Amino acid sequence: MAINFETNNPLGLLSAFKKEIADGRVLTWASDKDGDFYHTPPQWRGRAWLRPSYGLGLLTFNFICNSGILTTRADYAVYHGRFIESMLTHCDGLFQNAAATAMPTNSDIINRTSAA
């Protein structure tokens, strides 16, 4: 459930997307004080975060659940699909490929048990 962007400049892509948010061109995504991204529509806000990390030629966003609620397929499908859509809309010239994993990776955090 990670999103991977192949790019020659991972930090440049991350900075460009943050600037699009700051300049008011991206309205449905925001980042918090930890640098994680969240979906702002009321239906999805607070359900999860996307945490960026980078390596040589790759910018990755891992899915971090809200530990108080169950993670649903719709949660990660919406977060992944709409995030890729937003990156394509606002930063398409800064990456070559984008892909989402179907299952959690070692760095994703999901909640499959009911909240207390």
N, C-alpha and C. Protein backbone atom coordinates (compact mmCIF):
# COMPACT_ATOMS: atom_id res chain seq x y z
N MET A 1 0.81 -1.19 0.00
CA MET A 1 0.00 0.00 0.00
C MET A 1 0.86 1.25 0.00
N ALA A 2 2.00 1.15 -0.60
CA ALA A 2 2.88 2.31 -0.75
C ALA A 2 2.68 2.90 -2.13
N ILE A 3 2.99 4.18 -2.26
CA ILE A 3 2.98 4.84 -3.56
C ILE A 3 4.43 5.18 -3.88
N ASN A 4 4.87 4.80 -5.05
CA ASN A 4 6.25 5.05 -5.48
C ASN A 4 6.25 5.92 -6.73
N PHE A 5 7.03 6.99 -6.67
CA PHE A 5 7.22 7.87 -7.82
C PHE A 5 8.66 7.76 -8.27
N GLU A 6 8.87 7.35 -9.51
CA GLU A 6 10.21 7.32 -10.08
C GLU A 6 10.53 8.73 -10.56
N THR A 7 11.63 9.28 -10.04
CA THR A 7 11.99 10.66 -10.35
C THR A 7 13.49 10.85 -10.23
N ASN A 8 14.02 11.75 -11.03
CA ASN A 8 15.44 12.10 -10.94
C ASN A 8 15.73 13.00 -9.74
N ASN A 9 14.67 13.58 -9.16
CA ASN A 9 14.84 14.53 -8.07
C ASN A 9 13.74 14.32 -7.02
N PRO A 10 13.88 13.31 -6.15
CA PRO A 10 12.84 13.04 -5.17
C PRO A 10 12.51 14.23 -4.26
N LEU A 11 13.53 14.90 -3.76
CA LEU A 11 13.28 16.04 -2.87
C LEU A 11 12.65 17.21 -3.63
N GLY A 12 13.03 17.38 -4.89
CA GLY A 12 12.43 18.43 -5.71
C GLY A 12 10.96 18.17 -5.94
N LEU A 13 10.59 16.92 -6.20
CA LEU A 13 9.18 16.55 -6.40
C LEU A 13 8.40 16.80 -5.12
N LEU A 14 8.94 16.37 -3.99
CA LEU A 14 8.26 16.58 -2.71
C LEU A 14 8.09 18.08 -2.43
N SER A 15 9.12 18.85 -2.65
CA SER A 15 9.04 20.30 -2.43
C SER A 15 8.04 20.97 -3.36
N ALA A 16 8.02 20.53 -4.61
CA ALA A 16 7.09 21.12 -5.58
C ALA A 16 5.65 20.85 -5.18
N PHE A 17 5.36 19.63 -4.71
CA PHE A 17 3.99 19.31 -4.31
C PHE A 17 3.60 20.11 -3.07
N LYS A 18 4.50 20.24 -2.12
CA LYS A 18 4.23 21.06 -0.93
C LYS A 18 3.95 22.51 -1.33
N LYS A 19 4.69 23.02 -2.30
CA LYS A 19 4.48 24.40 -2.76
C LYS A 19 3.11 24.54 -3.43
N GLU A 20 2.69 23.54 -4.19
CA GLU A 20 1.36 23.57 -4.81
C GLU A 20 0.27 23.67 -3.74
N ILE A 21 0.47 22.94 -2.64
CA ILE A 21 -0.49 23.01 -1.53
C ILE A 21 -0.44 24.40 -0.90
N ALA A 22 0.77 24.86 -0.57
CA ALA A 22 0.94 26.16 0.09
C ALA A 22 0.38 27.31 -0.75
N ASP A 23 0.51 27.21 -2.08
CA ASP A 23 0.04 28.26 -2.97
C ASP A 23 -1.46 28.15 -3.28
N GLY A 24 -2.14 27.16 -2.69
CA GLY A 24 -3.58 27.03 -2.85
C GLY A 24 -4.03 26.38 -4.14
N ARG A 25 -3.13 25.75 -4.86
CA ARG A 25 -3.52 25.07 -6.10
C ARG A 25 -3.99 23.65 -5.84
N VAL A 26 -3.51 23.02 -4.79
CA VAL A 26 -3.99 21.70 -4.38
C VAL A 26 -4.91 21.94 -3.19
N LEU A 27 -6.18 21.63 -3.36
CA LEU A 27 -7.17 21.94 -2.33
C LEU A 27 -7.57 20.74 -1.48
N THR A 28 -7.31 19.55 -1.95
CA THR A 28 -7.80 18.36 -1.25
C THR A 28 -6.72 17.59 -0.50
N TRP A 29 -5.51 18.15 -0.44
CA TRP A 29 -4.41 17.54 0.32
C TRP A 29 -3.74 18.62 1.15
N ALA A 30 -3.26 18.22 2.32
CA ALA A 30 -2.51 19.11 3.20
C ALA A 30 -1.42 18.29 3.87
N SER A 31 -0.45 18.99 4.44
CA SER A 31 0.58 18.27 5.20
C SER A 31 0.58 18.80 6.63
N ASP A 32 0.90 17.92 7.56
CA ASP A 32 0.91 18.30 8.96
C ASP A 32 2.31 18.67 9.42
N LYS A 33 2.47 18.97 10.70
CA LYS A 33 3.75 19.41 11.25
C LYS A 33 4.82 18.33 11.16
N ASP A 34 4.41 17.05 11.02
CA ASP A 34 5.36 15.95 10.89
C ASP A 34 5.79 15.72 9.44
N GLY A 35 5.15 16.45 8.51
CA GLY A 35 5.46 16.27 7.10
C GLY A 35 4.64 15.20 6.41
N ASP A 36 3.68 14.62 7.14
CA ASP A 36 2.79 13.63 6.54
C ASP A 36 1.66 14.35 5.81
N PHE A 37 1.13 13.70 4.78
CA PHE A 37 0.04 14.27 3.99
C PHE A 37 -1.27 13.60 4.38
N TYR A 38 -2.35 14.39 4.34
CA TYR A 38 -3.67 13.85 4.61
C TYR A 38 -4.67 14.42 3.62
N HIS A 39 -5.73 13.64 3.39
CA HIS A 39 -6.78 14.03 2.46
C HIS A 39 -7.77 14.91 3.23
N THR A 40 -8.09 16.09 2.71
CA THR A 40 -8.87 17.07 3.46
C THR A 40 -10.39 16.96 3.37
N PRO A 41 -10.98 16.27 2.35
CA PRO A 41 -12.44 16.18 2.36
C PRO A 41 -12.94 15.54 3.66
N PRO A 42 -14.03 16.06 4.22
CA PRO A 42 -14.51 15.57 5.52
C PRO A 42 -14.66 14.04 5.60
N GLN A 43 -15.10 13.41 4.54
CA GLN A 43 -15.30 11.96 4.55
C GLN A 43 -14.00 11.20 4.79
N TRP A 44 -12.86 11.76 4.38
CA TRP A 44 -11.58 11.05 4.44
C TRP A 44 -10.60 11.63 5.44
N ARG A 45 -10.85 12.82 5.88
CA ARG A 45 -9.92 13.48 6.81
C ARG A 45 -9.78 12.69 8.10
N GLY A 46 -8.55 12.50 8.54
CA GLY A 46 -8.28 11.80 9.78
C GLY A 46 -8.30 10.29 9.70
N ARG A 47 -8.54 9.74 8.53
CA ARG A 47 -8.57 8.28 8.41
C ARG A 47 -7.16 7.70 8.23
N ALA A 48 -6.26 8.49 7.65
CA ALA A 48 -4.90 8.00 7.41
C ALA A 48 -4.01 9.16 7.00
N TRP A 49 -2.71 8.86 6.91
CA TRP A 49 -1.72 9.82 6.44
C TRP A 49 -0.80 9.12 5.46
N LEU A 50 -0.18 9.89 4.60
CA LEU A 50 0.83 9.37 3.69
C LEU A 50 2.17 9.97 4.11
N ARG A 51 3.11 9.11 4.48
CA ARG A 51 4.41 9.55 5.00
C ARG A 51 5.47 9.43 3.91
N PRO A 52 6.09 10.56 3.53
CA PRO A 52 7.10 10.51 2.47
C PRO A 52 8.46 10.01 2.98
N SER A 53 9.16 9.32 2.10
CA SER A 53 10.57 8.97 2.28
C SER A 53 11.17 8.93 0.88
N TYR A 54 12.48 8.97 0.80
CA TYR A 54 13.08 9.02 -0.53
C TYR A 54 14.39 8.26 -0.54
N GLY A 55 14.76 7.87 -1.74
CA GLY A 55 16.03 7.22 -2.01
C GLY A 55 16.46 7.63 -3.40
N LEU A 56 17.49 7.02 -3.88
CA LEU A 56 18.02 7.34 -5.20
C LEU A 56 16.96 7.05 -6.27
N GLY A 57 16.47 8.10 -6.89
CA GLY A 57 15.51 7.96 -7.99
C GLY A 57 14.10 7.58 -7.58
N LEU A 58 13.76 7.67 -6.29
CA LEU A 58 12.44 7.22 -5.84
C LEU A 58 11.91 8.08 -4.69
N LEU A 59 10.68 8.53 -4.82
CA LEU A 59 9.96 9.17 -3.74
C LEU A 59 8.82 8.24 -3.38
N THR A 60 8.77 7.81 -2.12
CA THR A 60 7.78 6.85 -1.66
C THR A 60 6.89 7.49 -0.61
N PHE A 61 5.61 7.14 -0.64
CA PHE A 61 4.66 7.55 0.38
C PHE A 61 4.06 6.29 0.98
N ASN A 62 4.24 6.12 2.28
CA ASN A 62 3.68 4.96 2.97
C ASN A 62 2.38 5.34 3.67
N PHE A 63 1.47 4.40 3.69
CA PHE A 63 0.15 4.56 4.30
C PHE A 63 0.28 4.35 5.81
N ILE A 64 -0.17 5.35 6.57
CA ILE A 64 -0.16 5.29 8.02
C ILE A 64 -1.60 5.44 8.49
N CYS A 65 -2.14 4.40 9.10
CA CYS A 65 -3.55 4.43 9.49
C CYS A 65 -3.79 5.26 10.74
N ASN A 66 -5.02 5.62 10.94
CA ASN A 66 -5.48 6.15 12.21
C ASN A 66 -5.72 4.91 13.08
N SER A 67 -4.96 4.78 14.16
CA SER A 67 -5.03 3.55 14.96
C SER A 67 -6.36 3.36 15.66
N GLY A 68 -7.19 4.38 15.70
CA GLY A 68 -8.48 4.27 16.36
C GLY A 68 -9.60 3.73 15.49
N ILE A 69 -9.33 3.51 14.21
CA ILE A 69 -10.38 2.99 13.31
C ILE A 69 -9.80 1.88 12.44
N LEU A 70 -10.69 1.05 11.95
CA LEU A 70 -10.25 -0.01 11.04
C LEU A 70 -9.83 0.56 9.70
N THR A 71 -8.79 0.01 9.13
CA THR A 71 -8.37 0.38 7.78
C THR A 71 -9.20 -0.41 6.79
N THR A 72 -9.87 0.28 5.88
CA THR A 72 -10.67 -0.41 4.87
C THR A 72 -9.98 -0.34 3.51
N ARG A 73 -10.41 -1.19 2.61
CA ARG A 73 -9.88 -1.13 1.25
C ARG A 73 -10.18 0.23 0.63
N ALA A 74 -11.34 0.77 0.93
CA ALA A 74 -11.69 2.08 0.39
C ALA A 74 -10.72 3.16 0.89
N ASP A 75 -10.28 3.05 2.14
CA ASP A 75 -9.33 4.04 2.68
C ASP A 75 -8.09 4.09 1.81
N TYR A 76 -7.43 2.95 1.64
CA TYR A 76 -6.18 3.04 0.90
C TYR A 76 -6.39 3.19 -0.59
N ALA A 77 -7.49 2.70 -1.12
CA ALA A 77 -7.77 2.91 -2.55
C ALA A 77 -7.96 4.39 -2.84
N VAL A 78 -8.74 5.07 -2.02
CA VAL A 78 -8.98 6.50 -2.22
C VAL A 78 -7.71 7.30 -2.00
N TYR A 79 -7.01 7.04 -0.90
CA TYR A 79 -5.79 7.79 -0.62
C TYR A 79 -4.76 7.61 -1.73
N HIS A 80 -4.57 6.39 -2.19
CA HIS A 80 -3.57 6.14 -3.21
C HIS A 80 -3.99 6.69 -4.57
N GLY A 81 -5.21 6.39 -4.97
CA GLY A 81 -5.68 6.85 -6.27
C GLY A 81 -5.74 8.36 -6.38
N ARG A 82 -6.28 9.00 -5.38
CA ARG A 82 -6.43 10.46 -5.44
C ARG A 82 -5.10 11.18 -5.25
N PHE A 83 -4.18 10.56 -4.51
CA PHE A 83 -2.87 11.20 -4.37
C PHE A 83 -2.11 11.14 -5.69
N ILE A 84 -2.13 9.99 -6.34
CA ILE A 84 -1.47 9.88 -7.65
C ILE A 84 -2.13 10.85 -8.63
N GLU A 85 -3.45 10.92 -8.61
CA GLU A 85 -4.17 11.85 -9.49
C GLU A 85 -3.71 13.29 -9.26
N SER A 86 -3.57 13.68 -8.01
CA SER A 86 -3.14 15.04 -7.70
C SER A 86 -1.71 15.30 -8.14
N MET A 87 -0.83 14.32 -7.93
CA MET A 87 0.55 14.49 -8.39
C MET A 87 0.61 14.60 -9.91
N LEU A 88 -0.20 13.82 -10.62
CA LEU A 88 -0.25 13.91 -12.08
C LEU A 88 -0.76 15.28 -12.52
N THR A 89 -1.74 15.79 -11.83
CA THR A 89 -2.32 17.09 -12.18
C THR A 89 -1.35 18.24 -11.96
N HIS A 90 -0.58 18.18 -10.88
CA HIS A 90 0.22 19.33 -10.47
C HIS A 90 1.72 19.19 -10.67
N CYS A 91 2.23 17.96 -10.80
CA CYS A 91 3.69 17.78 -10.86
C CYS A 91 4.11 16.75 -11.91
N ASP A 92 3.33 16.57 -12.95
CA ASP A 92 3.58 15.48 -13.91
C ASP A 92 4.94 15.57 -14.60
N GLY A 93 5.48 16.75 -14.74
CA GLY A 93 6.77 16.90 -15.40
C GLY A 93 7.96 16.55 -14.51
N LEU A 94 7.70 16.20 -13.25
CA LEU A 94 8.78 15.96 -12.30
C LEU A 94 9.00 14.49 -11.97
N PHE A 95 8.21 13.59 -12.57
CA PHE A 95 8.42 12.16 -12.36
C PHE A 95 8.10 11.40 -13.63
N GLN A 96 8.66 10.20 -13.72
CA GLN A 96 8.47 9.39 -14.92
C GLN A 96 7.33 8.38 -14.77
N ASN A 97 7.23 7.76 -13.58
CA ASN A 97 6.22 6.74 -13.34
C ASN A 97 5.71 6.85 -11.91
N ALA A 98 4.46 6.43 -11.73
CA ALA A 98 3.87 6.33 -10.39
C ALA A 98 3.19 4.98 -10.29
N ALA A 99 3.32 4.33 -9.13
CA ALA A 99 2.70 3.04 -8.93
C ALA A 99 2.33 2.88 -7.47
N ALA A 100 1.24 2.17 -7.22
CA ALA A 100 0.81 1.87 -5.86
C ALA A 100 0.85 0.36 -5.66
N THR A 101 1.37 -0.07 -4.51
CA THR A 101 1.35 -1.50 -4.20
C THR A 101 -0.06 -1.88 -3.76
N ALA A 102 -0.46 -3.12 -4.03
CA ALA A 102 -1.79 -3.58 -3.66
C ALA A 102 -1.86 -4.04 -2.21
N MET A 103 -0.77 -4.49 -1.67
CA MET A 103 -0.71 -4.99 -0.30
C MET A 103 0.27 -4.15 0.51
N PRO A 104 0.13 -4.16 1.84
CA PRO A 104 1.03 -3.37 2.67
C PRO A 104 2.50 -3.78 2.50
N THR A 105 3.37 -2.79 2.60
CA THR A 105 4.81 -3.04 2.62
C THR A 105 5.25 -3.00 4.09
N ASN A 106 6.51 -3.25 4.32
CA ASN A 106 7.03 -3.24 5.70
C ASN A 106 6.91 -1.88 6.37
N SER A 107 6.81 -0.81 5.61
CA SER A 107 6.76 0.54 6.18
C SER A 107 5.35 1.10 6.25
N ASP A 108 4.35 0.34 5.81
CA ASP A 108 2.95 0.78 5.92
C ASP A 108 2.40 0.34 7.27
N ILE A 109 1.46 1.12 7.81
CA ILE A 109 0.83 0.78 9.07
C ILE A 109 -0.68 0.76 8.83
N ILE A 110 -1.28 -0.40 9.03
CA ILE A 110 -2.74 -0.54 8.87
C ILE A 110 -3.32 -1.12 10.14
N ASN A 111 -4.62 -0.94 10.31
CA ASN A 111 -5.32 -1.47 11.48
C ASN A 111 -6.40 -2.42 10.99
N ARG A 112 -6.19 -3.71 11.24
CA ARG A 112 -7.16 -4.72 10.83
C ARG A 112 -7.96 -5.26 12.01
N THR A 113 -7.75 -4.72 13.21
CA THR A 113 -8.49 -5.16 14.37
C THR A 113 -9.37 -4.02 14.85
N SER A 114 -10.46 -4.35 15.52
CA SER A 114 -11.40 -3.31 15.95
C SER A 114 -10.78 -2.45 17.04
N ALA A 115 -11.18 -1.20 17.03
CA ALA A 115 -10.67 -0.24 18.03
C ALA A 115 -11.27 -0.56 19.39
N ALA A 116 -10.55 -0.22 20.43
CA ALA A 116 -11.03 -0.48 21.80
C ALA A 116 -12.15 0.45 22.18
